[in-house]
Amino acid sequence: MSDCLFCRIISGEIPSKKVYEDEVCYAFYDIDPQAPVHFLVIPKEHIQSVSQVSEANAAAVGHIFAVIARLAGELGLESYRVVSNIGDQAGQSVHHLHFHVLSGRDMTWPPG
């Protein structure tokens, strides 16, 4: 999608600080980090949010979670939080499926 911020990041049109990339997903550091470690992992396929995950694209989501686990290990993260906001009221500001990975500070509960 030409107007999607994350699609433009994936294409290289908008620069990012890449953490990881393969044929299915792209990971990069958040430009407004909410923790000492804060990166996002997004599918290269434009999927609007978790609400649009289907049997047809579920393998990409499973792959993303495997990548998150791998990156957390490589970065030495002993504990971390994975967050995906779905819809405007939940705080989704970019309507392209993405998972925030946050670590390096105490995470409060409940969030928000």
N, C-alpha and C. Protein backbone atom coordinates (compact mmCIF):
# COMPACT_ATOMS: atom_id res chain seq x y z
N MET A 1 0.85 -1.19 0.00
CA MET A 1 0.00 0.00 0.00
C MET A 1 0.88 1.24 0.00
N SER A 2 0.69 2.08 -0.95
CA SER A 2 1.57 3.24 -1.12
C SER A 2 1.44 4.26 -0.01
N ASP A 3 0.30 4.30 0.70
CA ASP A 3 0.13 5.29 1.76
C ASP A 3 0.42 4.72 3.15
N CYS A 4 0.83 3.47 3.25
CA CYS A 4 1.09 2.82 4.54
C CYS A 4 2.53 3.10 4.96
N LEU A 5 2.70 3.68 6.14
CA LEU A 5 4.03 4.00 6.67
C LEU A 5 4.93 2.78 6.72
N PHE A 6 4.42 1.65 7.23
CA PHE A 6 5.26 0.47 7.37
C PHE A 6 5.58 -0.16 6.02
N CYS A 7 4.67 -0.12 5.07
CA CYS A 7 4.97 -0.60 3.73
C CYS A 7 6.09 0.25 3.11
N ARG A 8 6.07 1.53 3.39
CA ARG A 8 7.11 2.43 2.87
C ARG A 8 8.46 2.17 3.55
N ILE A 9 8.44 1.80 4.82
CA ILE A 9 9.67 1.42 5.52
C ILE A 9 10.23 0.13 4.93
N ILE A 10 9.36 -0.86 4.73
CA ILE A 10 9.79 -2.13 4.14
C ILE A 10 10.43 -1.91 2.77
N SER A 11 9.85 -1.04 1.97
CA SER A 11 10.36 -0.80 0.62
C SER A 11 11.66 0.01 0.61
N GLY A 12 12.02 0.60 1.75
CA GLY A 12 13.23 1.42 1.83
C GLY A 12 12.98 2.87 1.52
N GLU A 13 11.75 3.21 1.22
CA GLU A 13 11.41 4.60 0.91
C GLU A 13 11.60 5.50 2.14
N ILE A 14 11.32 4.95 3.31
CA ILE A 14 11.53 5.66 4.58
C ILE A 14 12.60 4.90 5.34
N PRO A 15 13.65 5.58 5.80
CA PRO A 15 14.73 4.89 6.50
C PRO A 15 14.29 4.38 7.88
N SER A 16 14.96 3.31 8.30
CA SER A 16 14.73 2.75 9.63
C SER A 16 16.03 2.12 10.11
N LYS A 17 16.09 1.87 11.40
CA LYS A 17 17.24 1.19 11.98
C LYS A 17 16.89 -0.29 12.08
N LYS A 18 17.29 -1.04 11.06
CA LYS A 18 16.91 -2.44 10.91
C LYS A 18 17.55 -3.31 11.98
N VAL A 19 16.73 -4.22 12.52
CA VAL A 19 17.19 -5.24 13.46
C VAL A 19 17.33 -6.57 12.72
N TYR A 20 16.38 -6.84 11.81
CA TYR A 20 16.32 -8.14 11.14
C TYR A 20 15.44 -8.02 9.90
N GLU A 21 15.74 -8.86 8.91
CA GLU A 21 14.89 -8.93 7.72
C GLU A 21 15.03 -10.30 7.09
N ASP A 22 13.91 -10.84 6.64
CA ASP A 22 13.91 -12.04 5.81
C ASP A 22 12.78 -11.88 4.79
N GLU A 23 12.42 -12.95 4.10
CA GLU A 23 11.42 -12.84 3.05
C GLU A 23 10.01 -12.62 3.58
N VAL A 24 9.77 -12.87 4.86
CA VAL A 24 8.43 -12.78 5.44
C VAL A 24 8.24 -11.52 6.29
N CYS A 25 9.28 -11.10 7.00
CA CYS A 25 9.10 -10.01 7.96
C CYS A 25 10.29 -9.07 8.01
N TYR A 26 10.06 -7.98 8.70
CA TYR A 26 11.06 -6.92 8.86
C TYR A 26 10.97 -6.44 10.30
N ALA A 27 12.12 -6.27 10.95
CA ALA A 27 12.16 -5.77 12.33
C ALA A 27 13.04 -4.53 12.38
N PHE A 28 12.59 -3.55 13.14
CA PHE A 28 13.34 -2.29 13.24
C PHE A 28 13.06 -1.63 14.58
N TYR A 29 13.99 -0.78 15.02
CA TYR A 29 13.84 -0.08 16.29
C TYR A 29 12.79 1.01 16.17
N ASP A 30 12.00 1.15 17.23
CA ASP A 30 10.96 2.17 17.30
C ASP A 30 11.61 3.56 17.37
N ILE A 31 11.06 4.53 16.65
CA ILE A 31 11.63 5.89 16.68
C ILE A 31 11.25 6.65 17.94
N ASP A 32 10.28 6.15 18.70
CA ASP A 32 9.87 6.76 19.97
C ASP A 32 9.83 5.66 21.03
N PRO A 33 11.00 5.14 21.42
CA PRO A 33 11.02 3.97 22.29
C PRO A 33 10.37 4.22 23.65
N GLN A 34 9.63 3.22 24.10
CA GLN A 34 8.94 3.26 25.38
C GLN A 34 9.64 2.40 26.43
N ALA A 35 10.80 1.86 26.08
CA ALA A 35 11.62 1.06 26.97
C ALA A 35 13.05 1.12 26.44
N PRO A 36 14.03 0.75 27.27
CA PRO A 36 15.42 0.77 26.77
C PRO A 36 15.62 -0.07 25.50
N VAL A 37 14.91 -1.17 25.38
CA VAL A 37 14.89 -1.94 24.13
C VAL A 37 13.45 -1.89 23.63
N HIS A 38 13.26 -1.41 22.42
CA HIS A 38 11.92 -1.32 21.83
C HIS A 38 12.04 -1.41 20.32
N PHE A 39 11.67 -2.57 19.80
CA PHE A 39 11.66 -2.72 18.35
C PHE A 39 10.33 -3.31 17.91
N LEU A 40 10.04 -3.18 16.63
CA LEU A 40 8.82 -3.70 16.05
C LEU A 40 9.15 -4.79 15.05
N VAL A 41 8.27 -5.76 14.95
CA VAL A 41 8.39 -6.79 13.92
C VAL A 41 7.09 -6.78 13.13
N ILE A 42 7.22 -6.66 11.81
CA ILE A 42 6.06 -6.51 10.94
C ILE A 42 6.14 -7.49 9.78
N PRO A 43 4.99 -7.96 9.31
CA PRO A 43 5.02 -8.80 8.11
C PRO A 43 5.25 -7.92 6.87
N LYS A 44 5.91 -8.47 5.89
CA LYS A 44 6.08 -7.72 4.64
C LYS A 44 4.76 -7.63 3.88
N GLU A 45 3.92 -8.62 4.04
CA GLU A 45 2.58 -8.57 3.46
C GLU A 45 1.75 -7.57 4.25
N HIS A 46 1.02 -6.72 3.58
CA HIS A 46 0.18 -5.76 4.30
C HIS A 46 -1.04 -6.49 4.88
N ILE A 47 -1.05 -6.58 6.20
CA ILE A 47 -2.18 -7.11 6.95
C ILE A 47 -2.56 -5.99 7.91
N GLN A 48 -3.81 -5.61 7.95
CA GLN A 48 -4.21 -4.42 8.71
C GLN A 48 -3.95 -4.54 10.20
N SER A 49 -4.30 -5.67 10.81
CA SER A 49 -4.10 -5.86 12.25
C SER A 49 -4.35 -7.32 12.59
N VAL A 50 -4.26 -7.65 13.86
CA VAL A 50 -4.56 -9.02 14.29
C VAL A 50 -5.96 -9.43 13.86
N SER A 51 -6.87 -8.47 13.79
CA SER A 51 -8.24 -8.79 13.38
C SER A 51 -8.33 -9.29 11.94
N GLN A 52 -7.29 -9.09 11.17
CA GLN A 52 -7.27 -9.55 9.77
C GLN A 52 -6.42 -10.81 9.58
N VAL A 53 -5.97 -11.43 10.67
CA VAL A 53 -5.22 -12.68 10.55
C VAL A 53 -6.21 -13.78 10.19
N SER A 54 -5.82 -14.58 9.21
CA SER A 54 -6.68 -15.67 8.71
C SER A 54 -5.83 -16.92 8.53
N GLU A 55 -6.47 -18.00 8.17
CA GLU A 55 -5.74 -19.23 7.88
C GLU A 55 -4.72 -18.99 6.75
N ALA A 56 -5.06 -18.11 5.83
CA ALA A 56 -4.20 -17.85 4.68
C ALA A 56 -2.90 -17.14 5.06
N ASN A 57 -2.91 -16.31 6.12
CA ASN A 57 -1.70 -15.57 6.48
C ASN A 57 -1.17 -15.91 7.88
N ALA A 58 -1.77 -16.88 8.55
CA ALA A 58 -1.37 -17.24 9.91
C ALA A 58 0.07 -17.74 9.99
N ALA A 59 0.56 -18.39 8.95
CA ALA A 59 1.94 -18.89 8.97
C ALA A 59 2.93 -17.73 9.11
N ALA A 60 2.63 -16.60 8.50
CA ALA A 60 3.50 -15.43 8.63
C ALA A 60 3.55 -14.95 10.08
N VAL A 61 2.40 -14.97 10.75
CA VAL A 61 2.35 -14.54 12.15
C VAL A 61 3.13 -15.51 13.03
N GLY A 62 2.99 -16.81 12.79
CA GLY A 62 3.77 -17.78 13.54
C GLY A 62 5.26 -17.58 13.32
N HIS A 63 5.64 -17.30 12.10
CA HIS A 63 7.04 -17.03 11.78
C HIS A 63 7.53 -15.79 12.53
N ILE A 64 6.72 -14.76 12.58
CA ILE A 64 7.10 -13.54 13.30
C ILE A 64 7.38 -13.84 14.77
N PHE A 65 6.55 -14.66 15.40
CA PHE A 65 6.79 -14.99 16.81
C PHE A 65 8.08 -15.80 16.98
N ALA A 66 8.40 -16.66 16.03
CA ALA A 66 9.68 -17.37 16.09
C ALA A 66 10.84 -16.39 15.94
N VAL A 67 10.70 -15.40 15.08
CA VAL A 67 11.73 -14.37 14.90
C VAL A 67 11.87 -13.55 16.18
N ILE A 68 10.75 -13.20 16.81
CA ILE A 68 10.81 -12.45 18.07
C ILE A 68 11.61 -13.23 19.11
N ALA A 69 11.33 -14.51 19.26
CA ALA A 69 12.06 -15.33 20.23
C ALA A 69 13.54 -15.38 19.90
N ARG A 70 13.85 -15.53 18.63
CA ARG A 70 15.26 -15.58 18.21
C ARG A 70 15.98 -14.26 18.48
N LEU A 71 15.34 -13.15 18.11
CA LEU A 71 15.96 -11.84 18.33
C LEU A 71 16.13 -11.56 19.81
N ALA A 72 15.13 -11.91 20.62
CA ALA A 72 15.24 -11.71 22.07
C ALA A 72 16.44 -12.47 22.62
N GLY A 73 16.64 -13.69 22.16
CA GLY A 73 17.80 -14.46 22.58
C GLY A 73 19.10 -13.84 22.14
N GLU A 74 19.15 -13.41 20.88
CA GLU A 74 20.38 -12.79 20.35
C GLU A 74 20.71 -11.49 21.07
N LEU A 75 19.67 -10.75 21.49
CA LEU A 75 19.88 -9.49 22.19
C LEU A 75 20.05 -9.68 23.69
N GLY A 76 19.97 -10.91 24.16
CA GLY A 76 20.16 -11.19 25.57
C GLY A 76 19.01 -10.74 26.46
N LEU A 77 17.82 -10.69 25.91
CA LEU A 77 16.66 -10.25 26.68
C LEU A 77 16.15 -11.41 27.52
N GLU A 78 16.22 -11.28 28.83
CA GLU A 78 15.74 -12.34 29.72
C GLU A 78 14.23 -12.28 29.88
N SER A 79 13.67 -11.08 29.84
CA SER A 79 12.22 -10.92 29.87
C SER A 79 11.85 -9.76 28.96
N TYR A 80 10.67 -9.86 28.40
CA TYR A 80 10.23 -8.83 27.46
C TYR A 80 8.73 -8.93 27.30
N ARG A 81 8.15 -7.88 26.76
CA ARG A 81 6.71 -7.85 26.50
C ARG A 81 6.51 -7.71 24.99
N VAL A 82 5.53 -8.43 24.47
CA VAL A 82 5.13 -8.32 23.07
C VAL A 82 3.72 -7.76 23.05
N VAL A 83 3.53 -6.66 22.30
CA VAL A 83 2.25 -5.96 22.28
C VAL A 83 1.82 -5.74 20.84
N SER A 84 0.53 -5.96 20.60
CA SER A 84 -0.06 -5.58 19.32
C SER A 84 -1.38 -4.87 19.61
N ASN A 85 -1.49 -3.64 19.18
CA ASN A 85 -2.71 -2.87 19.36
C ASN A 85 -3.62 -3.09 18.15
N ILE A 86 -4.91 -3.27 18.41
CA ILE A 86 -5.86 -3.52 17.33
C ILE A 86 -6.94 -2.46 17.36
N GLY A 87 -6.91 -1.55 16.42
CA GLY A 87 -7.91 -0.49 16.32
C GLY A 87 -7.49 0.80 17.01
N ASP A 88 -8.17 1.85 16.63
CA ASP A 88 -7.83 3.19 17.12
C ASP A 88 -7.95 3.32 18.64
N GLN A 89 -9.02 2.81 19.22
CA GLN A 89 -9.23 2.95 20.65
C GLN A 89 -8.13 2.23 21.45
N ALA A 90 -7.57 1.18 20.89
CA ALA A 90 -6.50 0.44 21.55
C ALA A 90 -5.13 1.08 21.32
N GLY A 91 -5.08 2.12 20.51
CA GLY A 91 -3.83 2.83 20.27
C GLY A 91 -3.09 2.44 19.00
N GLN A 92 -3.75 1.74 18.09
CA GLN A 92 -3.08 1.40 16.83
C GLN A 92 -3.02 2.64 15.96
N SER A 93 -1.81 3.17 15.76
CA SER A 93 -1.66 4.38 14.98
C SER A 93 -1.24 4.10 13.53
N VAL A 94 -0.66 2.93 13.28
CA VAL A 94 -0.33 2.52 11.92
C VAL A 94 -1.11 1.23 11.66
N HIS A 95 -1.96 1.27 10.65
CA HIS A 95 -2.84 0.15 10.37
C HIS A 95 -2.18 -0.86 9.44
N HIS A 96 -1.09 -1.42 9.98
CA HIS A 96 -0.33 -2.52 9.37
C HIS A 96 0.07 -3.36 10.57
N LEU A 97 -0.26 -4.64 10.55
CA LEU A 97 0.03 -5.52 11.67
C LEU A 97 1.46 -5.34 12.14
N HIS A 98 1.63 -5.12 13.44
CA HIS A 98 2.97 -5.01 14.00
C HIS A 98 2.97 -5.43 15.46
N PHE A 99 4.12 -5.94 15.86
CA PHE A 99 4.31 -6.39 17.23
C PHE A 99 5.45 -5.58 17.84
N HIS A 100 5.13 -4.87 18.92
CA HIS A 100 6.14 -4.15 19.69
C HIS A 100 6.83 -5.15 20.61
N VAL A 101 8.14 -5.11 20.67
CA VAL A 101 8.89 -5.91 21.63
C VAL A 101 9.61 -4.92 22.53
N LEU A 102 9.26 -4.98 23.83
CA LEU A 102 9.79 -4.03 24.81
C LEU A 102 10.51 -4.77 25.92
N SER A 103 11.66 -4.23 26.34
CA SER A 103 12.43 -4.86 27.40
C SER A 103 13.36 -3.84 28.03
N GLY A 104 13.93 -4.23 29.16
CA GLY A 104 14.94 -3.38 29.79
C GLY A 104 14.41 -2.52 30.92
N ARG A 105 13.15 -2.68 31.27
CA ARG A 105 12.56 -1.97 32.43
C ARG A 105 11.42 -2.80 32.96
N ASP A 106 11.01 -2.49 34.18
CA ASP A 106 9.84 -3.17 34.73
C ASP A 106 8.60 -2.77 33.94
N MET A 107 7.80 -3.75 33.63
CA MET A 107 6.55 -3.52 32.91
C MET A 107 5.41 -3.58 33.93
N THR A 108 4.60 -2.56 33.99
CA THR A 108 3.51 -2.54 34.94
C THR A 108 2.31 -3.32 34.41
N TRP A 109 1.45 -3.70 35.32
CA TRP A 109 0.22 -4.39 34.97
C TRP A 109 -0.90 -3.83 35.79
N PRO A 110 -2.02 -3.50 35.27
CA PRO A 110 -2.35 -3.66 33.87
C PRO A 110 -1.67 -2.59 33.02
N PRO A 111 -1.42 -2.90 31.75
CA PRO A 111 -0.81 -1.90 30.87
C PRO A 111 -1.80 -0.81 30.52
N GLY A 112 -1.30 0.27 29.99
CA GLY A 112 -2.16 1.32 29.48
C GLY A 112 -2.43 2.41 30.42
